[in-house]
C-alpha atoms as a PDB file:
ATOM      1  CA  MET A   1       0.000   0.000   0.000  1.00  0.00           C
ATOM      2  CA  SER A   2       1.604   3.256  -1.153  1.00  0.00           C
ATOM      3  CA  ASP A   3       1.996   6.481   0.824  1.00  0.00           C
ATOM      4  CA  LYS A   4       0.286   8.288  -2.073  1.00  0.00           C
ATOM      5  CA  ALA A   5      -2.780   6.055  -1.752  1.00  0.00           C
ATOM      6  CA  GLU A   6      -2.953   6.675   1.988  1.00  0.00           C
ATOM      7  CA  GLU A   7      -2.620  10.432   1.426  1.00  0.00           C
ATOM      8  CA  ILE A   8      -5.479  10.495  -1.088  1.00  0.00           C
ATOM      9  CA  LYS A   9      -7.713   8.313   1.088  1.00  0.00           C
ATOM     10  CA  ALA A  10      -7.029  10.512   4.128  1.00  0.00           C
ATOM     11  CA  LEU A  11      -8.340  13.504   2.174  1.00  0.00           C
ATOM     12  CA  ALA A  12     -11.382  11.464   1.002  1.00  0.00           C
ATOM     13  CA  PRO A  13     -11.859  13.800  -1.985  1.00  0.00           C
ATOM     14  CA  TRP A  14     -14.771  11.730  -3.389  1.00  0.00           C
ATOM     15  CA  GLU A  15     -16.841  12.573  -0.307  1.00  0.00           C
ATOM     16  CA  LYS A  16     -16.307  16.278  -0.960  1.00  0.00           C
ATOM     17  CA  ARG A  17     -17.033  15.974  -4.682  1.00  0.00           C
ATOM     18  CA  GLN A  18     -20.125  13.757  -4.246  1.00  0.00           C
ATOM     19  CA  THR A  19     -20.120  13.255  -8.016  1.00  0.00           C
ATOM     20  CA  VAL A  20     -20.712  10.040  -9.967  1.00  0.00           C
ATOM     21  CA  VAL A  21     -20.121   9.826 -13.727  1.00  0.00           C
ATOM     22  CA  PHE A  22     -21.690   6.862 -15.537  1.00  0.00           C
ATOM     23  CA  MET A  23     -20.585   5.151 -18.756  1.00  0.00           C
ATOM     24  CA  SER A  24     -22.013   2.051 -20.452  1.00  0.00           C
ATOM     25  CA  ASP A  25     -22.936   0.346 -23.706  1.00  0.00           C
ATOM     26  CA  PHE A  26     -26.631   0.330 -22.725  1.00  0.00           C
ATOM     27  CA  GLY A  27     -27.873   3.133 -24.989  1.00  0.00           C
ATOM     28  CA  LEU A  28     -30.852   5.207 -23.892  1.00  0.00           C
ATOM     29  CA  ALA A  29     -33.698   3.298 -25.534  1.00  0.00           C
ATOM     30  CA  ASP A  30     -34.793   1.575 -22.325  1.00  0.00           C
ATOM     31  CA  GLY A  31     -34.699   2.105 -18.571  1.00  0.00           C
ATOM     32  CA  ALA A  32     -31.263   0.663 -17.753  1.00  0.00           C
ATOM     33  CA  VAL A  33     -29.419   3.967 -17.346  1.00  0.00           C
ATOM     34  CA  CYS A  34     -32.330   5.524 -15.482  1.00  0.00           C
ATOM     35  CA  ALA A  35     -32.316   2.551 -13.107  1.00  0.00           C
ATOM     36  CA  MET A  36     -28.625   3.090 -12.306  1.00  0.00           C
ATOM     37  CA  HIS A  37     -29.300   6.770 -11.639  1.00  0.00           C
ATOM     38  CA  GLY A  38     -32.232   5.775  -9.445  1.00  0.00           C
ATOM     39  CA  VAL A  39     -30.097   3.442  -7.343  1.00  0.00           C
ATOM     40  CA  ALA A  40     -27.481   6.153  -6.840  1.00  0.00           C
ATOM     41  CA  ASP A  41     -30.122   8.755  -5.998  1.00  0.00           C
ATOM     42  CA  ALA A  42     -31.689   6.421  -3.438  1.00  0.00           C
ATOM     43  CA  VAL A  43     -28.292   5.994  -1.772  1.00  0.00           C
ATOM     44  CA  CYS A  44     -27.948   9.780  -1.404  1.00  0.00           C
ATOM     45  CA  HIS A  45     -30.219  12.477  -2.803  1.00  0.00           C
ATOM     46  CA  GLU A  46     -27.416  15.035  -2.703  1.00  0.00           C
ATOM     47  CA  LEU A  47     -25.171  13.289  -5.230  1.00  0.00           C
ATOM     48  CA  ARG A  48     -24.442  14.902  -8.568  1.00  0.00           C
ATOM     49  CA  LEU A  49     -25.091  12.275 -11.274  1.00  0.00           C
ATOM     50  CA  GLU A  50     -23.611  12.772 -14.740  1.00  0.00           C
ATOM     51  CA  ASP A  51     -23.053  10.683 -17.857  1.00  0.00           C
ATOM     52  CA  LEU A  52     -19.904  10.257 -19.948  1.00  0.00           C
ATOM     53  CA  THR A  53     -21.646   8.223 -22.679  1.00  0.00           C
ATOM     54  CA  HIS A  54     -23.983   5.271 -22.958  1.00  0.00           C
ATOM     55  CA  TYR A  55     -23.248   4.675 -26.619  1.00  0.00           C
ATOM     56  CA  ILE A  56     -20.106   2.570 -26.360  1.00  0.00           C
ATOM     57  CA  PRO A  57     -20.534  -0.058 -29.133  1.00  0.00           C
ATOM     58  CA  GLN A  58     -21.979  -3.183 -27.540  1.00  0.00           C
ATOM     59  CA  PHE A  59     -19.348  -5.314 -25.772  1.00  0.00           C
ATOM     60  CA  ASN A  60     -16.481  -3.058 -26.971  1.00  0.00           C
ATOM     61  CA  ILE A  61     -14.124  -3.094 -23.989  1.00  0.00           C
ATOM     62  CA  TRP A  62     -11.369  -1.313 -25.952  1.00  0.00           C
ATOM     63  CA  GLU A  63     -13.572   1.717 -26.621  1.00  0.00           C
ATOM     64  CA  ALA A  64     -14.748   1.803 -23.004  1.00  0.00           C
ATOM     65  CA  SER A  65     -11.114   1.916 -21.910  1.00  0.00           C
ATOM     66  CA  TYR A  66     -10.341   4.721 -24.362  1.00  0.00           C
ATOM     67  CA  ARG A  67     -13.371   6.845 -23.462  1.00  0.00           C
ATOM     68  CA  LEU A  68     -12.374   6.739 -19.797  1.00  0.00           C
ATOM     69  CA  ILE A  69      -8.917   8.148 -20.483  1.00  0.00           C
ATOM     70  CA  GLN A  70     -10.404  10.679 -22.902  1.00  0.00           C
ATOM     71  CA  ALA A  71     -12.676  12.217 -20.266  1.00  0.00           C
ATOM     72  CA  LEU A  72     -11.471  11.306 -16.770  1.00  0.00           C
ATOM     73  CA  THR A  73      -8.637  13.808 -16.397  1.00  0.00           C
ATOM     74  CA  TYR A  74     -10.971  16.728 -17.161  1.00  0.00           C
ATOM     75  CA  TRP A  75     -12.936  15.955 -13.995  1.00  0.00           C
ATOM     76  CA  ALA A  76     -11.655  17.058 -10.601  1.00  0.00           C
ATOM     77  CA  PRO A  77      -9.918  14.523  -8.356  1.00  0.00           C
ATOM     78  CA  GLY A  78     -12.449  12.730  -6.201  1.00  0.00           C
ATOM     79  CA  THR A  79     -14.935  12.124  -8.993  1.00  0.00           C
ATOM     80  CA  VAL A  80     -16.246   8.542  -8.981  1.00  0.00           C
ATOM     81  CA  PHE A  81     -16.667   6.872 -12.376  1.00  0.00           C
ATOM     82  CA  VAL A  82     -18.972   3.891 -12.866  1.00  0.00           C
ATOM     83  CA  SER A  83     -18.114   2.083 -16.099  1.00  0.00           C
ATOM     84  CA  VAL A  84     -20.288  -0.803 -17.268  1.00  0.00           C
ATOM     85  CA  VAL A  85     -19.257  -2.525 -20.488  1.00  0.00           C
ATOM     86  CA  ASP A  86     -19.531  -6.080 -19.284  1.00  0.00           C
ATOM     87  CA  PRO A  87     -19.878  -8.905 -21.820  1.00  0.00           C
ATOM     88  CA  GLY A  88     -18.878 -11.330 -19.041  1.00  0.00           C
ATOM     89  CA  VAL A  89     -21.576 -10.172 -16.616  1.00  0.00           C
ATOM     90  CA  GLY A  90     -22.327 -12.799 -13.984  1.00  0.00           C
ATOM     91  CA  SER A  91     -19.155 -14.776 -14.740  1.00  0.00           C
ATOM     92  CA  ASP A  92     -15.967 -15.108 -12.685  1.00  0.00           C
ATOM     93  CA  ARG A  93     -14.488 -11.808 -13.927  1.00  0.00           C
ATOM     94  CA  GLU A  94     -13.653  -9.524 -11.007  1.00  0.00           C
ATOM     95  CA  SER A  95     -15.825  -6.582  -9.982  1.00  0.00           C
ATOM     96  CA  VAL A  96     -13.467  -3.911  -8.697  1.00  0.00           C
ATOM     97  CA  ALA A  97     -13.003  -0.356  -7.556  1.00  0.00           C
ATOM     98  CA  VAL A  98      -9.644   1.270  -8.261  1.00  0.00           C
ATOM     99  CA  LEU A  99      -7.995   4.390  -6.898  1.00  0.00           C
ATOM    100  CA  THR A 100      -5.952   6.154  -9.568  1.00  0.00           C
ATOM    101  CA  VAL A 101      -2.790   8.209  -9.172  1.00  0.00           C
ATOM    102  CA  SER A 102      -4.895  11.223 -10.186  1.00  0.00           C
ATOM    103  CA  GLY A 103      -7.209  10.726  -7.189  1.00  0.00           C
ATOM    104  CA  HIS A 104     -10.231   9.409  -9.107  1.00  0.00           C
ATOM    105  CA  ILE A 105     -12.140   6.222  -8.350  1.00  0.00           C
ATOM    106  CA  ILE A 106     -13.394   3.854 -11.060  1.00  0.00           C
ATOM    107  CA  VAL A 107     -15.956   1.151 -10.301  1.00  0.00           C
ATOM    108  CA  THR A 108     -16.097  -1.420 -13.087  1.00  0.00           C
ATOM    109  CA  PRO A 109     -15.744  -5.025 -14.189  1.00  0.00           C
ATOM    110  CA  ASP A 110     -12.023  -5.779 -14.420  1.00  0.00           C
ATOM    111  CA  ASN A 111     -12.060  -6.979 -18.031  1.00  0.00           C
ATOM    112  CA  GLY A 112      -9.636  -4.600 -19.772  1.00  0.00           C
ATOM    113  CA  THR A 113     -11.693  -1.429 -19.251  1.00  0.00           C
ATOM    114  CA  LEU A 114      -8.934  -0.015 -17.033  1.00  0.00           C
ATOM    115  CA  SER A 115      -6.130  -0.507 -19.580  1.00  0.00           C
ATOM    116  CA  HIS A 116      -5.660   3.071 -20.820  1.00  0.00           C
ATOM    117  CA  VAL A 117      -6.028   4.548 -17.331  1.00  0.00           C
ATOM    118  CA  ALA A 118      -3.510   2.078 -15.901  1.00  0.00           C
ATOM    119  CA  LYS A 119      -0.998   2.791 -18.666  1.00  0.00           C
ATOM    120  CA  ASN A 120      -1.370   6.568 -18.903  1.00  0.00           C
ATOM    121  CA  ILE A 121      -2.306   7.636 -15.347  1.00  0.00           C
ATOM    122  CA  GLY A 122      -1.529   4.730 -13.033  1.00  0.00           C
ATOM    123  CA  ILE A 123      -3.466   2.790 -10.417  1.00  0.00           C
ATOM    124  CA  LEU A 124      -2.565   3.013  -6.728  1.00  0.00           C
ATOM    125  CA  GLU A 125      -4.984   0.444  -5.338  1.00  0.00           C
ATOM    126  CA  ARG A 126      -7.417  -2.121  -6.695  1.00  0.00           C
ATOM    127  CA  ARG A 127     -10.068  -3.732  -4.514  1.00  0.00           C
ATOM    128  CA  ARG A 128     -12.514  -6.553  -5.221  1.00  0.00           C
ATOM    129  CA  ILE A 129     -16.061  -5.401  -4.493  1.00  0.00           C
ATOM    130  CA  SER A 130     -17.502  -7.421  -1.642  1.00  0.00           C
ATOM    131  CA  GLU A 131     -21.015  -8.287  -2.779  1.00  0.00           C
ATOM    132  CA  THR A 132     -21.910  -9.253   0.769  1.00  0.00           C
ATOM    133  CA  GLU A 133     -21.562  -5.640   1.889  1.00  0.00           C
ATOM    134  CA  ASN A 134     -21.771  -3.632  -1.328  1.00  0.00           C
ATOM    135  CA  ARG A 135     -24.761  -4.856  -3.289  1.00  0.00           C
ATOM    136  CA  LEU A 136     -28.269  -3.455  -3.652  1.00  0.00           C
ATOM    137  CA  SER A 137     -30.622  -5.072  -1.164  1.00  0.00           C
ATOM    138  CA  ASN A 138     -32.733  -7.940  -2.522  1.00  0.00           C
ATOM    139  CA  SER A 139     -30.819  -8.112  -5.814  1.00  0.00           C
ATOM    140  CA  GLN A 140     -28.911 -11.315  -5.053  1.00  0.00           C
ATOM    141  CA  ARG A 141     -30.996 -13.482  -7.411  1.00  0.00           C
ATOM    142  CA  SER A 142     -30.100 -11.281 -10.406  1.00  0.00           C
ATOM    143  CA  TYR A 143     -26.894 -12.124 -12.276  1.00  0.00           C
ATOM    144  CA  THR A 144     -27.167  -9.910 -15.376  1.00  0.00           C
ATOM    145  CA  PHE A 145     -27.390  -6.286 -14.170  1.00  0.00           C
ATOM    146  CA  TYR A 146     -24.300  -5.650 -12.091  1.00  0.00           C
ATOM    147  CA  GLY A 147     -24.329  -2.064 -13.368  1.00  0.00           C
ATOM    148  CA  ARG A 148     -27.414  -1.386 -11.284  1.00  0.00           C
ATOM    149  CA  ASP A 149     -27.030  -3.878  -8.441  1.00  0.00           C
ATOM    150  CA  VAL A 150     -23.307  -3.607  -7.670  1.00  0.00           C
ATOM    151  CA  TYR A 151     -21.490  -0.835  -9.554  1.00  0.00           C
ATOM    152  CA  ALA A 152     -23.977   2.051  -9.292  1.00  0.00           C
ATOM    153  CA  TYR A 153     -24.697   1.109  -5.682  1.00  0.00           C
ATOM    154  CA  THR A 154     -21.027   0.895  -4.682  1.00  0.00           C
ATOM    155  CA  GLY A 155     -20.041   4.017  -6.613  1.00  0.00           C
ATOM    156  CA  ALA A 156     -22.801   6.028  -4.954  1.00  0.00           C
ATOM    157  CA  ARG A 157     -21.889   4.778  -1.478  1.00  0.00           C
ATOM    158  CA  LEU A 158     -18.291   5.840  -2.048  1.00  0.00           C
ATOM    159  CA  ALA A 159     -19.256   9.269  -3.409  1.00  0.00           C
ATOM    160  CA  ALA A 160     -21.643   9.860  -0.524  1.00  0.00           C
ATOM    161  CA  GLY A 161     -19.021   8.883   2.076  1.00  0.00           C
ATOM    162  CA  ILE A 162     -21.143   6.024   3.398  1.00  0.00           C
ATOM    163  CA  ILE A 163     -18.150   3.735   2.902  1.00  0.00           C
ATOM    164  CA  GLY A 164     -14.460   4.509   2.617  1.00  0.00           C
ATOM    165  CA  PHE A 165     -12.337   3.034  -0.141  1.00  0.00           C
ATOM    166  CA  ASP A 166     -10.928   0.426   2.256  1.00  0.00           C
ATOM    167  CA  GLU A 167     -14.492  -0.821   2.858  1.00  0.00           C
ATOM    168  CA  VAL A 168     -15.097  -1.741  -0.779  1.00  0.00           C
ATOM    169  CA  GLY A 169     -13.589  -5.179  -0.286  1.00  0.00           C
ATOM    170  CA  PRO A 170     -10.318  -7.141  -0.244  1.00  0.00           C
ATOM    171  CA  LEU A 171      -7.145  -5.505  -1.544  1.00  0.00           C
ATOM    172  CA  LEU A 172      -5.807  -6.955  -4.813  1.00  0.00           C
ATOM    173  CA  GLU A 173      -2.571  -6.429  -6.703  1.00  0.00           C
ATOM    174  CA  PRO A 174      -2.668  -2.974  -8.382  1.00  0.00           C
ATOM    175  CA  SER A 175      -2.377  -4.367 -11.930  1.00  0.00           C
ATOM    176  CA  PRO A 176      -5.757  -4.868 -13.652  1.00  0.00           C
ATOM    177  CA  VAL A 177      -6.555  -7.001 -16.687  1.00  0.00           C
ATOM    178  CA  MET A 178      -4.796  -5.267 -19.583  1.00  0.00           C
ATOM    179  CA  LEU A 179      -5.536  -5.027 -23.282  1.00  0.00           C
ATOM    180  CA  SER A 180      -2.592  -4.861 -25.678  1.00  0.00           C
ATOM    181  CA  ILE A 181      -1.731  -1.166 -26.056  1.00  0.00           C
ATOM    182  CA  GLU A 182       1.214  -0.459 -28.327  1.00  0.00           C
ATOM    183  CA  ASP A 183       3.204   2.765 -28.136  1.00  0.00           C
ATOM    184  CA  PRO A 184       3.620   4.864 -31.294  1.00  0.00           C
ATOM    185  CA  GLU A 185       7.073   4.820 -32.826  1.00  0.00           C
ATOM    186  CA  ILE A 186       9.298   6.431 -35.434  1.00  0.00           C
ATOM    187  CA  SER A 187      11.366   4.178 -37.663  1.00  0.00           C
ATOM    188  CA  GLY A 188      13.344   6.019 -40.312  1.00  0.00           C
ATOM    189  CA  ASP A 189      10.878   8.272 -42.128  1.00  0.00           C
ATOM    190  CA  ILE A 190       7.783   6.323 -41.014  1.00  0.00           C
ATOM    191  CA  ILE A 191       5.638   7.219 -37.987  1.00  0.00           C
ATOM    192  CA  SER A 192       3.393   4.356 -36.916  1.00  0.00           C
ATOM    193  CA  GLY A 193       0.756   3.812 -34.274  1.00  0.00           C
ATOM    194  CA  THR A 194      -2.751   2.507 -33.668  1.00  0.00           C
ATOM    195  CA  ILE A 195      -6.228   3.786 -34.490  1.00  0.00           C
ATOM    196  CA  ASP A 196      -7.448   4.128 -30.939  1.00  0.00           C
ATOM    197  CA  VAL A 197     -11.026   5.140 -31.643  1.00  0.00           C
ATOM    198  CA  LEU A 198     -13.371   6.651 -34.221  1.00  0.00           C
ATOM    199  CA  ASP A 199     -14.758  10.143 -33.772  1.00  0.00           C
ATOM    200  CA  THR A 200     -18.215   8.662 -33.395  1.00  0.00           C
ATOM    201  CA  ARG A 201     -20.406  11.322 -34.977  1.00  0.00           C
ATOM    202  CA  TYR A 202     -18.112  12.136 -37.880  1.00  0.00           C
ATOM    203  CA  GLY A 203     -16.217   8.945 -38.703  1.00  0.00           C
ATOM    204  CA  SER A 204     -12.727  10.429 -38.364  1.00  0.00           C
ATOM    205  CA  LEU A 205      -9.817   8.257 -37.233  1.00  0.00           C
ATOM    206  CA  TRP A 206      -8.170   9.174 -33.921  1.00  0.00           C
ATOM    207  CA  THR A 207      -4.691   7.741 -33.517  1.00  0.00           C
ATOM    208  CA  ASN A 208      -2.326   7.419 -30.561  1.00  0.00           C
ATOM    209  CA  ILE A 209       0.400   9.390 -32.394  1.00  0.00           C
ATOM    210  CA  PRO A 210       1.126  12.730 -30.668  1.00  0.00           C
ATOM    211  CA  ASP A 211       1.672  15.887 -32.673  1.00  0.00           C
ATOM    212  CA  THR A 212       5.194  16.082 -31.231  1.00  0.00           C
ATOM    213  CA  MET A 213       6.166  13.079 -33.363  1.00  0.00           C
ATOM    214  CA  PHE A 214       5.163  15.009 -36.480  1.00  0.00           C
ATOM    215  CA  THR A 215       7.174  18.019 -35.300  1.00  0.00           C
ATOM    216  CA  SER A 216      10.268  15.994 -34.482  1.00  0.00           C
ATOM    217  CA  SER A 217      10.063  14.337 -37.910  1.00  0.00           C
ATOM    218  CA  GLY A 218       9.991  17.693 -39.672  1.00  0.00           C
ATOM    219  CA  ILE A 219       6.365  17.376 -40.812  1.00  0.00           C
ATOM    220  CA  LYS A 220       4.679  20.760 -41.291  1.00  0.00           C
ATOM    221  CA  TYR A 221       1.180  21.868 -42.180  1.00  0.00           C
ATOM    222  CA  GLY A 222       0.731  21.709 -45.923  1.00  0.00           C
ATOM    223  CA  ASP A 223       2.974  18.657 -46.350  1.00  0.00           C
ATOM    224  CA  ASN A 224       1.706  15.621 -48.202  1.00  0.00           C
ATOM    225  CA  LEU A 225       1.811  12.367 -46.233  1.00  0.00           C
ATOM    226  CA  TYR A 226       1.437   8.831 -47.447  1.00  0.00           C
ATOM    227  CA  VAL A 227      -1.057   7.202 -45.080  1.00  0.00           C
ATOM    228  CA  THR A 228      -1.349   3.425 -44.717  1.00  0.00           C
ATOM    229  CA  VAL A 229      -4.020   1.662 -42.651  1.00  0.00           C
ATOM    230  CA  THR A 230      -3.816  -2.057 -41.877  1.00  0.00           C
ATOM    231  CA  VAL A 231      -5.825  -4.576 -39.886  1.00  0.00           C
ATOM    232  CA  ARG A 232      -4.084  -7.804 -38.864  1.00  0.00           C
ATOM    233  CA  ASN A 233      -1.311  -6.948 -41.372  1.00  0.00           C
ATOM    234  CA  ARG A 234      -3.762  -6.554 -44.276  1.00  0.00           C
ATOM    235  CA  VAL A 235      -3.667  -3.151 -46.022  1.00  0.00           C
ATOM    236  CA  VAL A 236      -7.142  -1.618 -46.227  1.00  0.00           C
ATOM    237  CA  PHE A 237      -6.148   1.929 -47.196  1.00  0.00           C
ATOM    238  CA  GLY A 238      -3.106   3.593 -48.731  1.00  0.00           C
ATOM    239  CA  SER A 239      -3.032   7.054 -50.266  1.00  0.00           C
ATOM    240  CA  THR A 240      -1.367  10.474 -50.202  1.00  0.00           C
ATOM    241  CA  ILE A 241      -3.175  12.961 -47.938  1.00  0.00           C
ATOM    242  CA  ARG A 242      -2.433  16.603 -47.103  1.00  0.00           C
ATOM    243  CA  PHE A 243      -1.648  17.627 -43.508  1.00  0.00           C
ATOM    244  CA  CYS A 244      -4.000  20.516 -42.608  1.00  0.00           C
ATOM    245  CA  LYS A 245      -4.786  22.810 -39.690  1.00  0.00           C
ATOM    246  CA  ASN A 246      -8.533  22.555 -40.248  1.00  0.00           C
ATOM    247  CA  PHE A 247     -11.137  20.874 -42.408  1.00  0.00           C
ATOM    248  CA  THR A 248     -11.809  23.848 -44.700  1.00  0.00           C
ATOM    249  CA  GLU A 249      -8.343  23.599 -46.228  1.00  0.00           C
ATOM    250  CA  VAL A 250      -9.578  20.810 -48.511  1.00  0.00           C
ATOM    251  CA  PRO A 251     -12.763  20.645 -50.623  1.00  0.00           C
ATOM    252  CA  VAL A 252     -15.853  18.869 -49.307  1.00  0.00           C
ATOM    253  CA  GLY A 253     -15.438  15.145 -49.834  1.00  0.00           C
ATOM    254  CA  GLU A 254     -11.617  15.260 -49.742  1.00  0.00           C
ATOM    255  CA  THR A 255      -9.396  13.561 -47.148  1.00  0.00           C
ATOM    256  CA  LEU A 256      -7.037  15.315 -44.752  1.00  0.00           C
ATOM    257  CA  VAL A 257      -4.659  14.611 -41.869  1.00  0.00           C
ATOM    258  CA  TYR A 258      -5.088  16.920 -38.863  1.00  0.00           C
ATOM    259  CA  ILE A 259      -4.325  17.223 -35.134  1.00  0.00           C
ATOM    260  CA  ASN A 260      -7.346  16.418 -32.968  1.00  0.00           C
ATOM    261  CA  SER A 261      -8.468  17.912 -29.662  1.00  0.00           C
ATOM    262  CA  LEU A 262      -6.232  15.507 -27.721  1.00  0.00           C
ATOM    263  CA  LEU A 263      -3.217  16.719 -29.760  1.00  0.00           C
ATOM    264  CA  ASN A 264      -2.927  13.410 -31.592  1.00  0.00           C
ATOM    265  CA  ALA A 265      -2.910  12.794 -35.340  1.00  0.00           C
ATOM    266  CA  GLY A 266      -6.292  12.205 -36.948  1.00  0.00           C
ATOM    267  CA  VAL A 267      -7.516  11.387 -40.445  1.00  0.00           C
ATOM    268  CA  ALA A 268     -10.804  12.705 -41.760  1.00  0.00           C
ATOM    269  CA  LEU A 269     -13.030  13.150 -44.782  1.00  0.00           C
ATOM    270  CA  ASN A 270     -14.302  16.731 -44.974  1.00  0.00           C
ATOM    271  CA  GLN A 271     -18.056  16.580 -44.256  1.00  0.00           C
ATOM    272  CA  GLY A 272     -18.059  12.807 -44.626  1.00  0.00           C
ATOM    273  CA  SER A 273     -17.140   9.646 -42.733  1.00  0.00           C
ATOM    274  CA  PHE A 274     -13.627   8.404 -43.464  1.00  0.00           C
ATOM    275  CA  ALA A 275     -14.279   5.206 -41.503  1.00  0.00           C
ATOM    276  CA  GLN A 276     -17.468   4.341 -43.360  1.00  0.00           C
ATOM    277  CA  THR A 277     -16.179   5.361 -46.778  1.00  0.00           C
ATOM    278  CA  PHE A 278     -12.999   3.287 -46.561  1.00  0.00           C
ATOM    279  CA  GLY A 279     -14.136   0.494 -44.228  1.00  0.00           C
ATOM    280  CA  VAL A 280     -11.805   1.358 -41.352  1.00  0.00           C
ATOM    281  CA  GLY A 281     -12.272   0.386 -37.703  1.00  0.00           C
ATOM    282  CA  SER A 282     -10.443   0.935 -34.431  1.00  0.00           C
ATOM    283  CA  GLY A 283      -8.875  -1.023 -31.593  1.00  0.00           C
ATOM    284  CA  GLU A 284      -5.957  -3.343 -30.958  1.00  0.00           C
ATOM    285  CA  ASP A 285      -5.748  -4.738 -34.513  1.00  0.00           C
ATOM    286  CA  TRP A 286      -5.975  -1.451 -36.430  1.00  0.00           C
ATOM    287  CA  LYS A 287      -2.606   0.125 -37.289  1.00  0.00           C
ATOM    288  CA  ILE A 288      -1.743   3.326 -39.139  1.00  0.00           C
ATOM    289  CA  SER A 289       1.458   4.877 -40.483  1.00  0.00           C
ATOM    290  CA  PHE A 290       2.471   8.238 -41.939  1.00  0.00           C
ATOM    291  CA  ARG A 291       5.389   8.962 -44.277  1.00  0.00           C
ATOM    292  CA  LYS A 292       6.235  12.403 -45.563  1.00  0.00           C
ATOM    293  CA  ILE A 293       6.325  12.640 -49.361  1.00  0.00           C
ATOM    294  CA  ARG A 294       9.693  14.224 -50.196  1.00  0.00           C
END
């Protein structure tokens, strides 16, 4: 148990924040999300209940992991996140709460959802949720809605200060189940990385390649780059694309490379979906590379 973890727990910032942020792959077409909010509200009427997204593609643990790292650091330390993308619900996968180096708490199935947070922020403590103590009353016969019965309930109890982090359950090793996350790299004149996620509404590709790699490779706005996209070593796209500051620098329907809001390289189709047009996806198997045309 680290001194940093003890320092954060002594401050109990989640009790002061009293904020729970929910994320799931449930969508909003039925009452699932409302039920989770209802459980949290019943625990404590004074909690602030917010939503990150409930439109994670069904069963897509990779995207759940990415969306957490995309949003978590913009919330103040002490915020409690409840993440429910759980294709193994009711199985022997662990239900956990983790305390991050940044002072946030995440309540979630431990199925890879914590990968990006563990790699990019760090986890101080990981505890198995004790369902004897931290489960909604009279829900024990249900095995398929842990989001409501265990995660929303436990997250709300933490945020309300009804339980401390040490009361979640037994202490586990800090390392959660990890997906394969590769670092971007430069090899000669080629910059390569992964397509982490799609810009959902617009179909742009968001990579894990920081803008600093472009700068260090001498790539400037206006340069032409040869872009290659592969999945499981099969090339699905290869073409020369201009590197632009914004979308209006190319005609409607034309492709461009740009720097997204996370300061990583992106690829887009102006007023169109690059992903849909060219059949590109995201996740562990999707790779991308950039080479400046001399």
